[in-house]
C-alpha atoms as a PDB file:
ATOM      1  CA  UNK A   1      -9.170  33.139 -10.662  1.00  0.00           C
ATOM      2  CA  UNK A   2     -10.900  31.264  -7.824  1.00  0.00           C
ATOM      3  CA  UNK A   3     -13.198  33.092  -5.463  1.00  0.00           C
ATOM      4  CA  UNK A   4     -11.928  34.895  -2.366  1.00  0.00           C
ATOM      5  CA  UNK A   5     -12.167  31.737  -0.248  1.00  0.00           C
ATOM      6  CA  UNK A   6      -9.063  30.091  -1.697  1.00  0.00           C
ATOM      7  CA  UNK A   7      -6.856  30.941   1.299  1.00  0.00           C
ATOM      8  CA  UNK A   8      -7.831  27.898   3.316  1.00  0.00           C
ATOM      9  CA  UNK A   9      -6.059  25.996   6.074  1.00  0.00           C
ATOM     10  CA  UNK A  10      -4.693  22.583   4.996  1.00  0.00           C
ATOM     11  CA  UNK A  11      -7.259  20.732   7.089  1.00  0.00           C
ATOM     12  CA  UNK A  12     -10.059  22.745   5.499  1.00  0.00           C
ATOM     13  CA  UNK A  13      -8.735  22.008   2.018  1.00  0.00           C
ATOM     14  CA  UNK A  14      -8.684  18.287   2.753  1.00  0.00           C
ATOM     15  CA  UNK A  15     -12.161  18.324   4.286  1.00  0.00           C
ATOM     16  CA  UNK A  16     -13.570  20.246   1.345  1.00  0.00           C
ATOM     17  CA  UNK A  17     -11.852  17.907  -1.100  1.00  0.00           C
ATOM     18  CA  UNK A  18     -13.332  14.852   0.591  1.00  0.00           C
ATOM     19  CA  UNK A  19     -16.775  16.447   0.568  1.00  0.00           C
ATOM     20  CA  UNK A  20     -16.458  17.139  -3.166  1.00  0.00           C
ATOM     21  CA  UNK A  21     -15.360  13.555  -3.800  1.00  0.00           C
ATOM     22  CA  UNK A  22     -18.283  12.168  -1.801  1.00  0.00           C
ATOM     23  CA  UNK A  23     -20.693  14.346  -3.758  1.00  0.00           C
ATOM     24  CA  UNK A  24     -19.252  13.611  -7.197  1.00  0.00           C
ATOM     25  CA  UNK A  25     -18.835   9.894  -6.531  1.00  0.00           C
ATOM     26  CA  UNK A  26     -22.541   9.357  -6.008  1.00  0.00           C
ATOM     27  CA  UNK A  27     -23.603   5.843  -4.995  1.00  0.00           C
ATOM     28  CA  UNK A  28     -20.641   3.868  -3.645  1.00  0.00           C
ATOM     29  CA  UNK A  29     -21.797   0.469  -4.785  1.00  0.00           C
ATOM     30  CA  UNK A  30     -20.529  -2.324  -2.559  1.00  0.00           C
ATOM     31  CA  UNK A  31     -17.799  -0.343  -0.817  1.00  0.00           C
ATOM     32  CA  UNK A  32     -18.049  -0.560   2.970  1.00  0.00           C
ATOM     33  CA  UNK A  33     -17.488   2.591   5.003  1.00  0.00           C
ATOM     34  CA  UNK A  34     -13.918   1.600   5.926  1.00  0.00           C
ATOM     35  CA  UNK A  35     -13.056   0.542   2.378  1.00  0.00           C
ATOM     36  CA  UNK A  36     -14.508   3.781   1.047  1.00  0.00           C
ATOM     37  CA  UNK A  37     -12.119   5.758   3.231  1.00  0.00           C
ATOM     38  CA  UNK A  38      -9.298   4.018   1.383  1.00  0.00           C
ATOM     39  CA  UNK A  39     -10.848   4.516  -2.054  1.00  0.00           C
ATOM     40  CA  UNK A  40     -11.564   8.179  -1.333  1.00  0.00           C
ATOM     41  CA  UNK A  41      -7.942   8.776  -0.304  1.00  0.00           C
ATOM     42  CA  UNK A  42      -6.707   7.308  -3.594  1.00  0.00           C
ATOM     43  CA  UNK A  43      -9.111   9.502  -5.540  1.00  0.00           C
ATOM     44  CA  UNK A  44      -7.985  12.501  -3.498  1.00  0.00           C
ATOM     45  CA  UNK A  45      -4.341  11.791  -4.349  1.00  0.00           C
ATOM     46  CA  UNK A  46      -4.883  11.119  -8.052  1.00  0.00           C
ATOM     47  CA  UNK A  47      -8.070  13.063  -8.925  1.00  0.00           C
ATOM     48  CA  UNK A  48      -9.075   9.855 -10.698  1.00  0.00           C
ATOM     49  CA  UNK A  49     -12.492   8.341 -10.034  1.00  0.00           C
ATOM     50  CA  UNK A  50     -11.535   5.168 -11.900  1.00  0.00           C
ATOM     51  CA  UNK A  51     -10.316   3.817  -8.578  1.00  0.00           C
ATOM     52  CA  UNK A  52     -13.970   3.421  -7.629  1.00  0.00           C
ATOM     53  CA  UNK A  53     -14.319   0.908 -10.437  1.00  0.00           C
ATOM     54  CA  UNK A  54     -11.018  -0.927 -10.765  1.00  0.00           C
ATOM     55  CA  UNK A  55      -9.691  -1.077  -7.201  1.00  0.00           C
ATOM     56  CA  UNK A  56      -9.687  -4.573  -5.706  1.00  0.00           C
ATOM     57  CA  UNK A  57      -9.595  -4.864  -1.923  1.00  0.00           C
ATOM     58  CA  UNK A  58      -9.609  -8.386  -0.535  1.00  0.00           C
ATOM     59  CA  UNK A  59     -12.137  -9.013   2.255  1.00  0.00           C
ATOM     60  CA  UNK A  60     -10.775  -7.706   5.546  1.00  0.00           C
ATOM     61  CA  UNK A  61      -7.679  -6.153   3.967  1.00  0.00           C
ATOM     62  CA  UNK A  62      -8.297  -2.682   5.394  1.00  0.00           C
ATOM     63  CA  UNK A  63      -8.761  -3.985   8.920  1.00  0.00           C
ATOM     64  CA  UNK A  64      -5.740  -6.260   8.527  1.00  0.00           C
ATOM     65  CA  UNK A  65      -3.606  -3.350   7.342  1.00  0.00           C
ATOM     66  CA  UNK A  66      -4.753  -1.131  10.193  1.00  0.00           C
ATOM     67  CA  UNK A  67      -3.999  -3.876  12.718  1.00  0.00           C
ATOM     68  CA  UNK A  68      -0.567  -4.516  11.189  1.00  0.00           C
ATOM     69  CA  UNK A  69       0.404  -0.848  11.453  1.00  0.00           C
ATOM     70  CA  UNK A  70      -0.855  -0.592  15.027  1.00  0.00           C
ATOM     71  CA  UNK A  71       1.169  -3.675  15.965  1.00  0.00           C
ATOM     72  CA  UNK A  72       4.376  -2.165  14.584  1.00  0.00           C
ATOM     73  CA  UNK A  73       4.740  -4.224  11.398  1.00  0.00           C
ATOM     74  CA  UNK A  74       7.649  -3.297   9.158  1.00  0.00           C
ATOM     75  CA  UNK A  75       6.708  -1.429   5.976  1.00  0.00           C
ATOM     76  CA  UNK A  76       8.740  -2.274   2.855  1.00  0.00           C
ATOM     77  CA  UNK A  77       8.422  -0.104  -0.248  1.00  0.00           C
ATOM     78  CA  UNK A  78       9.699  -0.573  -3.792  1.00  0.00           C
ATOM     79  CA  UNK A  79      10.749   3.067  -4.248  1.00  0.00           C
ATOM     80  CA  UNK A  80      12.087   5.878  -2.120  1.00  0.00           C
ATOM     81  CA  UNK A  81       9.273   8.029  -3.500  1.00  0.00           C
ATOM     82  CA  UNK A  82       6.700   5.727  -1.935  1.00  0.00           C
ATOM     83  CA  UNK A  83       8.716   5.641   1.275  1.00  0.00           C
ATOM     84  CA  UNK A  84       8.936   9.435   1.490  1.00  0.00           C
ATOM     85  CA  UNK A  85       5.230   9.776   0.711  1.00  0.00           C
ATOM     86  CA  UNK A  86       4.172   7.852   3.813  1.00  0.00           C
ATOM     87  CA  UNK A  87       3.152  10.243   6.564  1.00  0.00           C
ATOM     88  CA  UNK A  88       5.169   9.258   9.628  1.00  0.00           C
ATOM     89  CA  UNK A  89       3.069  11.511  11.825  1.00  0.00           C
ATOM     90  CA  UNK A  90       0.045   9.360  11.072  1.00  0.00           C
ATOM     91  CA  UNK A  91       1.920   6.266  12.220  1.00  0.00           C
ATOM     92  CA  UNK A  92       2.235   7.872  15.628  1.00  0.00           C
ATOM     93  CA  UNK A  93       4.114   5.830  18.206  1.00  0.00           C
ATOM     94  CA  UNK A  94       3.375   2.382  16.790  1.00  0.00           C
ATOM     95  CA  UNK A  95       7.085   1.735  16.281  1.00  0.00           C
ATOM     96  CA  UNK A  96       6.914   0.753  12.622  1.00  0.00           C
ATOM     97  CA  UNK A  97      10.246   0.554  10.863  1.00  0.00           C
ATOM     98  CA  UNK A  98      10.243   1.362   7.147  1.00  0.00           C
ATOM     99  CA  UNK A  99      12.691   0.449   4.442  1.00  0.00           C
ATOM    100  CA  UNK A 100      13.321   0.667   0.720  1.00  0.00           C
ATOM    101  CA  UNK A 101      16.113  -1.693  -0.277  1.00  0.00           C
ATOM    102  CA  UNK A 102      16.312  -0.986  -4.005  1.00  0.00           C
ATOM    103  CA  UNK A 103      19.482   1.088  -3.577  1.00  0.00           C
ATOM    104  CA  UNK A 104      21.018  -1.074  -0.871  1.00  0.00           C
ATOM    105  CA  UNK A 105      24.525  -2.061  -1.991  1.00  0.00           C
ATOM    106  CA  UNK A 106      23.678  -5.705  -1.372  1.00  0.00           C
ATOM    107  CA  UNK A 107      20.626  -5.523  -3.657  1.00  0.00           C
ATOM    108  CA  UNK A 108      22.634  -3.713  -6.312  1.00  0.00           C
ATOM    109  CA  UNK A 109      25.314  -6.416  -6.147  1.00  0.00           C
ATOM    110  CA  UNK A 110      22.744  -9.235  -6.229  1.00  0.00           C
ATOM    111  CA  UNK A 111      21.057  -7.708  -9.263  1.00  0.00           C
ATOM    112  CA  UNK A 112      24.344  -7.332 -11.104  1.00  0.00           C
ATOM    113  CA  UNK A 113      25.464 -10.869 -10.330  1.00  0.00           C
ATOM    114  CA  UNK A 114      22.185 -12.585 -11.256  1.00  0.00           C
ATOM    115  CA  UNK A 115      20.888 -10.321 -14.018  1.00  0.00           C
ATOM    116  CA  UNK A 116      17.584  -9.540 -12.313  1.00  0.00           C
ATOM    117  CA  UNK A 117      16.133  -6.111 -11.633  1.00  0.00           C
ATOM    118  CA  UNK A 118      17.108  -4.320  -8.456  1.00  0.00           C
ATOM    119  CA  UNK A 119      13.458  -4.462  -7.401  1.00  0.00           C
ATOM    120  CA  UNK A 120      13.575  -8.252  -7.585  1.00  0.00           C
ATOM    121  CA  UNK A 121      16.855  -8.319  -5.697  1.00  0.00           C
ATOM    122  CA  UNK A 122      15.375  -6.023  -3.043  1.00  0.00           C
ATOM    123  CA  UNK A 123      12.596  -8.554  -2.394  1.00  0.00           C
ATOM    124  CA  UNK A 124      15.152 -11.345  -2.034  1.00  0.00           C
ATOM    125  CA  UNK A 125      17.240  -9.188   0.301  1.00  0.00           C
ATOM    126  CA  UNK A 126      14.199  -8.362   2.409  1.00  0.00           C
ATOM    127  CA  UNK A 127      13.529 -12.047   3.001  1.00  0.00           C
ATOM    128  CA  UNK A 128      17.150 -12.877   3.769  1.00  0.00           C
ATOM    129  CA  UNK A 129      18.141  -9.882   5.880  1.00  0.00           C
ATOM    130  CA  UNK A 130      15.161  -7.849   7.058  1.00  0.00           C
ATOM    131  CA  UNK A 131      12.197 -10.100   7.821  1.00  0.00           C
ATOM    132  CA  UNK A 132      14.071 -13.327   8.366  1.00  0.00           C
ATOM    133  CA  UNK A 133      12.806 -13.620  11.920  1.00  0.00           C
ATOM    134  CA  UNK A 134       9.401 -14.843  10.786  1.00  0.00           C
ATOM    135  CA  UNK A 135       7.316 -11.707  11.012  1.00  0.00           C
ATOM    136  CA  UNK A 136       4.999 -10.627   8.226  1.00  0.00           C
ATOM    137  CA  UNK A 137       5.487  -7.222   6.617  1.00  0.00           C
ATOM    138  CA  UNK A 138       3.361  -4.643   4.884  1.00  0.00           C
ATOM    139  CA  UNK A 139       4.693  -4.680   1.308  1.00  0.00           C
ATOM    140  CA  UNK A 140       4.095  -1.570  -0.824  1.00  0.00           C
ATOM    141  CA  UNK A 141       4.592  -1.524  -4.597  1.00  0.00           C
ATOM    142  CA  UNK A 142       3.882   1.582  -6.643  1.00  0.00           C
ATOM    143  CA  UNK A 143       6.423   1.401  -9.417  1.00  0.00           C
ATOM    144  CA  UNK A 144       7.966  -2.054  -9.840  1.00  0.00           C
ATOM    145  CA  UNK A 145       5.892  -4.877 -11.356  1.00  0.00           C
ATOM    146  CA  UNK A 146       8.976  -7.111 -11.276  1.00  0.00           C
ATOM    147  CA  UNK A 147       9.228  -6.616  -7.532  1.00  0.00           C
ATOM    148  CA  UNK A 148       5.601  -7.564  -6.996  1.00  0.00           C
ATOM    149  CA  UNK A 149       5.929 -10.593  -9.265  1.00  0.00           C
ATOM    150  CA  UNK A 150       9.098 -11.651  -7.433  1.00  0.00           C
ATOM    151  CA  UNK A 151       7.270 -11.479  -4.116  1.00  0.00           C
ATOM    152  CA  UNK A 152       4.495 -13.703  -5.460  1.00  0.00           C
ATOM    153  CA  UNK A 153       7.052 -16.089  -6.953  1.00  0.00           C
ATOM    154  CA  UNK A 154       8.966 -16.426  -3.695  1.00  0.00           C
ATOM    155  CA  UNK A 155       5.840 -16.926  -1.626  1.00  0.00           C
ATOM    156  CA  UNK A 156       4.511 -19.493  -4.077  1.00  0.00           C
ATOM    157  CA  UNK A 157       7.711 -21.536  -4.087  1.00  0.00           C
ATOM    158  CA  UNK A 158       8.597 -21.437  -0.386  1.00  0.00           C
ATOM    159  CA  UNK A 159       5.725 -21.901   2.094  1.00  0.00           C
ATOM    160  CA  UNK A 160       8.108 -21.320   5.002  1.00  0.00           C
ATOM    161  CA  UNK A 161       8.387 -17.616   4.171  1.00  0.00           C
ATOM    162  CA  UNK A 162       6.292 -15.282   6.347  1.00  0.00           C
ATOM    163  CA  UNK A 163       2.973 -14.400   4.751  1.00  0.00           C
ATOM    164  CA  UNK A 164       2.620 -10.621   4.288  1.00  0.00           C
ATOM    165  CA  UNK A 165       0.339  -8.841   6.693  1.00  0.00           C
ATOM    166  CA  UNK A 166      -0.803  -6.839   3.666  1.00  0.00           C
ATOM    167  CA  UNK A 167       0.350  -6.290   0.082  1.00  0.00           C
ATOM    168  CA  UNK A 168      -0.364  -2.916  -1.486  1.00  0.00           C
ATOM    169  CA  UNK A 169       0.204  -3.654  -5.168  1.00  0.00           C
ATOM    170  CA  UNK A 170      -0.350  -0.553  -7.286  1.00  0.00           C
ATOM    171  CA  UNK A 171       2.556  -0.409  -9.768  1.00  0.00           C
ATOM    172  CA  UNK A 172       2.014   1.971 -12.675  1.00  0.00           C
ATOM    173  CA  UNK A 173       3.075   1.374 -16.243  1.00  0.00           C
ATOM    174  CA  UNK A 174       2.756  -0.730 -19.356  1.00  0.00           C
ATOM    175  CA  UNK A 175       5.064  -3.754 -19.208  1.00  0.00           C
ATOM    176  CA  UNK A 176       3.646  -6.259 -16.715  1.00  0.00           C
ATOM    177  CA  UNK A 177       1.966  -3.593 -14.547  1.00  0.00           C
ATOM    178  CA  UNK A 178      -1.574  -4.856 -15.153  1.00  0.00           C
ATOM    179  CA  UNK A 179      -0.374  -8.459 -15.273  1.00  0.00           C
ATOM    180  CA  UNK A 180       1.377  -8.233 -11.910  1.00  0.00           C
ATOM    181  CA  UNK A 181      -1.744  -6.826 -10.289  1.00  0.00           C
ATOM    182  CA  UNK A 182      -3.943  -9.492 -11.831  1.00  0.00           C
ATOM    183  CA  UNK A 183      -1.518 -12.104 -10.492  1.00  0.00           C
ATOM    184  CA  UNK A 184      -1.788 -10.559  -7.019  1.00  0.00           C
ATOM    185  CA  UNK A 185      -5.588 -10.631  -7.176  1.00  0.00           C
ATOM    186  CA  UNK A 186      -5.452 -14.339  -8.067  1.00  0.00           C
ATOM    187  CA  UNK A 187      -2.594 -15.285  -5.733  1.00  0.00           C
ATOM    188  CA  UNK A 188      -4.646 -16.563  -2.820  1.00  0.00           C
ATOM    189  CA  UNK A 189      -2.928 -14.180  -0.405  1.00  0.00           C
ATOM    190  CA  UNK A 190      -5.427 -13.224   2.279  1.00  0.00           C
ATOM    191  CA  UNK A 191      -4.946  -9.457   2.371  1.00  0.00           C
ATOM    192  CA  UNK A 192      -4.123  -7.216  -0.555  1.00  0.00           C
ATOM    193  CA  UNK A 193      -5.042  -3.909  -2.173  1.00  0.00           C
ATOM    194  CA  UNK A 194      -4.580  -3.579  -5.925  1.00  0.00           C
ATOM    195  CA  UNK A 195      -6.260  -2.281  -9.071  1.00  0.00           C
ATOM    196  CA  UNK A 196      -6.873  -3.969 -12.377  1.00  0.00           C
ATOM    197  CA  UNK A 197      -5.539  -1.309 -14.695  1.00  0.00           C
ATOM    198  CA  UNK A 198      -2.269   0.265 -15.777  1.00  0.00           C
ATOM    199  CA  UNK A 199      -2.787   3.133 -13.359  1.00  0.00           C
ATOM    200  CA  UNK A 200      -1.121   3.458  -9.974  1.00  0.00           C
ATOM    201  CA  UNK A 201       2.172   4.918  -8.863  1.00  0.00           C
ATOM    202  CA  UNK A 202       4.310   5.523  -5.815  1.00  0.00           C
ATOM    203  CA  UNK A 203       2.131   8.428  -4.701  1.00  0.00           C
ATOM    204  CA  UNK A 204      -1.019   6.315  -4.878  1.00  0.00           C
ATOM    205  CA  UNK A 205       0.618   3.399  -3.062  1.00  0.00           C
ATOM    206  CA  UNK A 206       1.801   5.754  -0.318  1.00  0.00           C
ATOM    207  CA  UNK A 207      -1.696   7.236  -0.122  1.00  0.00           C
ATOM    208  CA  UNK A 208      -3.113   3.773   0.564  1.00  0.00           C
ATOM    209  CA  UNK A 209      -0.754   3.365   3.525  1.00  0.00           C
ATOM    210  CA  UNK A 210      -1.604   6.872   4.729  1.00  0.00           C
ATOM    211  CA  UNK A 211      -5.301   6.022   4.684  1.00  0.00           C
ATOM    212  CA  UNK A 212      -4.660   2.944   6.809  1.00  0.00           C
ATOM    213  CA  UNK A 213      -2.394   4.913   9.142  1.00  0.00           C
ATOM    214  CA  UNK A 214      -5.088   7.544   9.675  1.00  0.00           C
ATOM    215  CA  UNK A 215      -7.568   4.817  10.595  1.00  0.00           C
ATOM    216  CA  UNK A 216      -4.976   3.216  12.876  1.00  0.00           C
ATOM    217  CA  UNK A 217      -4.453   6.453  14.777  1.00  0.00           C
ATOM    218  CA  UNK A 218      -8.199   6.962  15.095  1.00  0.00           C
ATOM    219  CA  UNK A 219      -8.669   3.439  16.462  1.00  0.00           C
ATOM    220  CA  UNK A 220      -5.793   3.981  18.881  1.00  0.00           C
ATOM    221  CA  UNK A 221      -7.299   7.220  20.197  1.00  0.00           C
ATOM    222  CA  UNK A 222     -10.588   5.442  20.723  1.00  0.00           C
ATOM    223  CA  UNK A 223      -8.872   2.650  22.628  1.00  0.00           C
ATOM    224  CA  UNK A 224      -9.980  -0.150  20.310  1.00  0.00           C
ATOM    225  CA  UNK A 225      -7.857  -3.301  20.309  1.00  0.00           C
ATOM    226  CA  UNK A 226      -6.144  -4.180  17.010  1.00  0.00           C
ATOM    227  CA  UNK A 227      -8.303  -6.641  15.098  1.00  0.00           C
ATOM    228  CA  UNK A 228      -6.961  -8.725  12.241  1.00  0.00           C
ATOM    229  CA  UNK A 229      -9.820 -10.584  10.559  1.00  0.00           C
ATOM    230  CA  UNK A 230      -9.490 -14.323  10.084  1.00  0.00           C
ATOM    231  CA  UNK A 231      -8.247 -15.065   6.539  1.00  0.00           C
END
């Protein structure tokens, strides 16, 4: 049994967890303070310190993600689990809409007609029906390598499509999970968060968005203007 101090408030549990992570992590290498807040959140969600070593965050991606959320960018997820894991309270009043199209009847029909996965069809549907007004989105993948690969394929073949404000590419698994993340890291997209391993998942992908949302709320309270770094 734990000691008598186990009946803690949620905020105290989180603070103690972060303190334990900071202590056990030791030297943070090249992680900046803002990037470390992201890394620490992923470790907190997964209890896996490998994210210190295999996470890849493109330069400026954290600031770009924070700015995108504060400016009301749409958030598109590959699973309902990732969607439900995003803390709406942390998004405050930024006006972000969120969607997971994998079960949309149009995506289901497109997948059946063309023989692709529903995750691939959901990406196509997003471009044709959700973000067809030219705005960039925050794309979140925690489970579907085919969805992430489809996004990269579409962006590579059609330069008129809106460039994502941020891609969180953390699909878990064996078939094409690592390969899709390696492709993202080599895609030339300006802002992405991924990891070069088989690990990931909808909960970890949602945690990445929650880390950015927490920073967005903090910046908003402090009255700082949104700042997207130059790619």
